Each structure stands twice: as C-alpha cells, then as structure tokens.
Amino acid sequence: MRQLHMLREFVAMSKTQNLVLIAALALVAVLSTYTYFSKQSHNPYWYTPAQVIQGQQLFADHCAACHGPQAQGAQNWMQPDATGNRPAPPLNGTGHAWHHSLADLANTISTGRGNMPAWQSKLTDTDIMAVLAWTQSQWPTPTYTAWSEANP
C-alpha cells in the first residue's frame, strides 16, 4: 500500500521536480562509479611521479658518486673495510635497503651511517623523500611489494 502511495506522489510531481530527482540519481550513479574506478586504479606506491623525477636528479648530484649512477652500489659492498665499515650498498632493490622502514631510510640519509655522511644540512626532508622515491622506483615490483607489506 505504501509503495502505491509513493508511486502516486511521484507521478503527481511536476516535470521540474521529476527532472531534479532524476538528475540527483544520475549524479549519485556517476559519483559511485568514479569512486569505484578510482579505488580500482589506486597507486600502490607512497610516492608520486614528480617525486621520482626530482629524486633522480638529487640522487645523481649527491648519491651516485658512492652508490653508483643506477643505485647499484659499490663492488663488494658486503665486505667491511679496515675500519669495519662497508662500502655503499646497492639501493636498487638488490641489497638490504628494502628491509628497512621509510623512516629508517630517511634517518640514515639525514644523519649518516658508517662511511656515509649526514645530508641533513644539504638536503631538506622533501629532498630526502624524493631521493627515496627515486631509489624505490628502481626496485623490482616483488621487492617493493614485500617492503610495502612489511611497512604498512
């Protein structure tokens, strides 16, 4: 009975009211579809393409001398030198960097470690995140996925 009453009210509405109602329903449908598709194409990476571009130049300017132009690291990077420090490791996903959280990696760049100098006086936090974006963009997908799952 209630449904019949609602149907009569809808039919009794003016054409303008009907058009407004139909437009509102269409808008809800469009927004729902947009939300669905935007979730389907969610970028699985924490960084943006702009950060990767910026990071590539910063890496070339500040990091490549030790870590190599493709972040491949020094040869024998696992062998400690006479002081017990290791040469620059690879940052391209083939070393151990992916075992560390983003905060740990940023802290290492900022404060230094072993033979690596501290960059906090030369690079901003934004610069450091861009460098990390570029290095992580070099990681193979399975490596990044494993890192991402371990560091939600």
Protein backbone atom coordinates (compact mmCIF):
# COMPACT_ATOMS: atom_id res chain seq x y z
CA MET A 1 0.00 0.00 0.00
CA ARG A 2 2.82 2.42 0.94
CA GLN A 3 4.59 1.76 -2.38
CA LEU A 4 1.45 2.59 -4.33
CA HIS A 5 1.14 5.86 -2.42
CA MET A 6 4.78 6.74 -3.22
CA LEU A 7 4.21 5.97 -6.89
CA ARG A 8 1.17 8.27 -6.98
CA GLU A 9 3.23 11.06 -5.35
CA PHE A 10 5.98 10.63 -7.94
CA VAL A 11 3.50 10.80 -10.80
CA ALA A 12 1.90 13.86 -9.22
CA MET A 13 5.25 15.70 -9.04
CA SER A 14 5.88 18.43 -11.57
CA LYS A 15 8.14 17.82 -14.53
CA THR A 16 10.78 20.07 -12.92
CA GLN A 17 10.68 18.05 -9.72
CA ASN A 18 10.97 14.81 -11.70
CA LEU A 19 13.95 16.16 -13.64
CA VAL A 20 15.68 17.29 -10.43
CA LEU A 21 15.13 13.86 -8.87
CA ILE A 22 16.44 12.07 -11.98
CA ALA A 23 19.48 14.40 -12.15
CA ALA A 24 20.24 13.76 -8.48
CA LEU A 25 20.02 10.00 -9.00
CA ALA A 26 22.27 10.26 -12.08
CA LEU A 27 24.81 12.29 -10.07
CA VAL A 28 24.85 9.63 -7.35
CA ALA A 29 25.42 6.96 -10.00
CA VAL A 30 28.28 8.90 -11.63
CA LEU A 31 29.99 9.62 -8.30
CA SER A 32 29.62 5.98 -7.23
CA THR A 33 31.15 4.79 -10.50
CA TYR A 34 34.02 7.29 -10.20
CA THR A 35 34.72 6.19 -6.62
CA TYR A 36 34.68 2.54 -7.64
CA PHE A 37 37.10 3.03 -10.54
CA SER A 38 39.42 5.32 -8.58
CA LYS A 39 39.77 2.60 -5.95
CA GLN A 40 40.47 0.04 -8.66
CA SER A 41 43.36 2.09 -10.07
CA HIS A 42 44.84 3.02 -6.68
CA ASN A 43 48.54 3.77 -6.92
CA PRO A 44 50.29 1.15 -4.75
CA TYR A 45 53.33 3.40 -4.24
CA TRP A 46 53.68 6.00 -1.48
CA TYR A 47 55.44 8.42 -3.83
CA THR A 48 54.39 10.45 -6.84
CA PRO A 49 55.93 10.57 -10.33
CA ALA A 50 57.04 14.16 -9.59
CA GLN A 51 58.99 12.96 -6.54
CA VAL A 52 60.71 10.31 -8.66
CA ILE A 53 61.80 12.90 -11.23
CA GLN A 54 63.09 15.25 -8.54
CA GLY A 55 64.77 12.36 -6.71
CA GLN A 56 66.58 11.16 -9.83
CA GLN A 57 68.42 14.47 -10.15
CA LEU A 58 69.14 14.72 -6.42
CA PHE A 59 70.48 11.15 -6.41
CA ALA A 60 72.73 11.92 -9.38
CA ASP A 61 74.01 15.07 -7.67
CA HIS A 62 74.54 13.73 -4.15
CA CYS A 63 74.48 9.93 -4.02
CA ALA A 64 75.65 8.39 -7.29
CA ALA A 65 79.35 9.00 -6.59
CA CYS A 66 79.23 6.31 -3.91
CA HIS A 67 76.08 4.28 -4.67
CA GLY A 68 76.55 4.24 -8.48
CA PRO A 69 74.52 6.00 -11.19
CA GLN A 70 71.86 3.28 -11.18
CA ALA A 71 71.99 2.81 -7.39
CA GLN A 72 73.81 -0.47 -7.94
CA GLY A 73 76.17 0.11 -5.00
CA ALA A 74 79.90 -0.42 -4.70
CA GLN A 75 81.52 -3.69 -5.65
CA ASN A 76 82.00 -5.96 -2.65
CA TRP A 77 79.60 -3.78 -0.67
CA MET A 78 79.16 -6.53 1.91
CA GLN A 79 82.87 -6.68 2.76
CA PRO A 80 83.87 -4.41 5.67
CA ASP A 81 86.91 -2.19 5.19
CA ALA A 82 89.81 -1.87 7.66
CA THR A 83 87.68 0.30 9.97
CA GLY A 84 84.80 -2.18 9.95
CA ASN A 85 82.57 -0.08 7.69
CA ARG A 86 81.10 -1.40 4.49
CA PRO A 87 81.20 0.39 1.13
CA ALA A 88 78.00 1.98 -0.21
CA PRO A 89 75.30 -0.69 -0.63
CA PRO A 90 73.01 -1.00 -3.63
CA LEU A 91 69.77 0.92 -3.28
CA ASN A 92 68.10 -0.52 -6.38
CA GLY A 93 66.34 -3.35 -4.56
CA THR A 94 69.18 -5.87 -4.82
CA GLY A 95 70.71 -5.01 -1.44
CA HIS A 96 69.22 -4.83 2.03
CA ALA A 97 67.63 -1.36 1.92
CA TRP A 98 64.21 -2.89 1.40
CA HIS A 99 64.49 -4.49 4.86
CA HIS A 100 64.26 -1.04 6.47
CA SER A 101 61.25 1.20 7.06
CA LEU A 102 60.88 4.50 5.23
CA ALA A 103 61.61 6.34 8.48
CA ASP A 104 64.83 4.34 8.98
CA LEU A 105 65.96 5.00 5.42
CA ALA A 106 65.22 8.73 5.74
CA ASN A 107 67.07 8.84 9.06
CA THR A 108 70.13 7.14 7.53
CA ILE A 109 70.27 9.76 4.78
CA SER A 110 69.72 12.57 7.24
CA THR A 111 72.17 11.54 9.97
CA GLY A 112 74.59 9.32 8.06
CA ARG A 113 75.89 5.88 8.94
CA GLY A 114 79.31 4.29 8.77
CA ASN A 115 81.17 5.91 5.87
CA MET A 116 78.03 7.71 4.68
CA PRO A 117 77.94 11.40 5.58
CA ALA A 118 74.92 13.10 7.11
CA TRP A 119 72.94 15.02 4.49
CA GLN A 120 70.61 16.94 6.81
CA SER A 121 72.47 20.21 6.27
CA LYS A 122 72.40 19.88 2.46
CA LEU A 123 69.07 18.16 1.73
CA THR A 124 65.63 19.11 3.02
CA ASP A 125 63.21 16.49 4.28
CA THR A 126 61.35 16.89 0.97
CA ASP A 127 64.61 16.26 -0.93
CA ILE A 128 65.32 13.16 1.14
CA MET A 129 61.86 11.76 0.42
CA ALA A 130 62.38 12.45 -3.29
CA VAL A 131 65.69 10.56 -3.24
CA LEU A 132 63.94 7.64 -1.55
CA ALA A 133 61.14 7.84 -4.13
CA TRP A 134 63.64 7.52 -6.95
CA THR A 135 65.58 4.67 -5.36
CA GLN A 136 62.40 2.76 -4.56
CA SER A 137 61.15 3.31 -8.11
CA GLN A 138 64.19 1.26 -9.16
CA TRP A 139 63.13 -1.72 -7.06
CA PRO A 140 61.56 -4.71 -8.80
CA THR A 141 57.82 -4.94 -8.14
CA PRO A 142 58.10 -8.06 -5.91
CA THR A 143 60.73 -6.31 -3.78
CA TYR A 144 58.62 -3.17 -3.40
CA THR A 145 55.54 -5.27 -2.63
CA ALA A 146 57.39 -7.21 0.09
CA TRP A 147 58.69 -3.95 1.56
CA SER A 148 55.26 -2.32 1.41
CA GLU A 149 53.60 -5.26 3.15
CA ALA A 150 56.24 -5.22 5.90
CA ASN A 151 55.89 -1.42 6.28
CA PRO A 152 52.18 -0.56 6.01
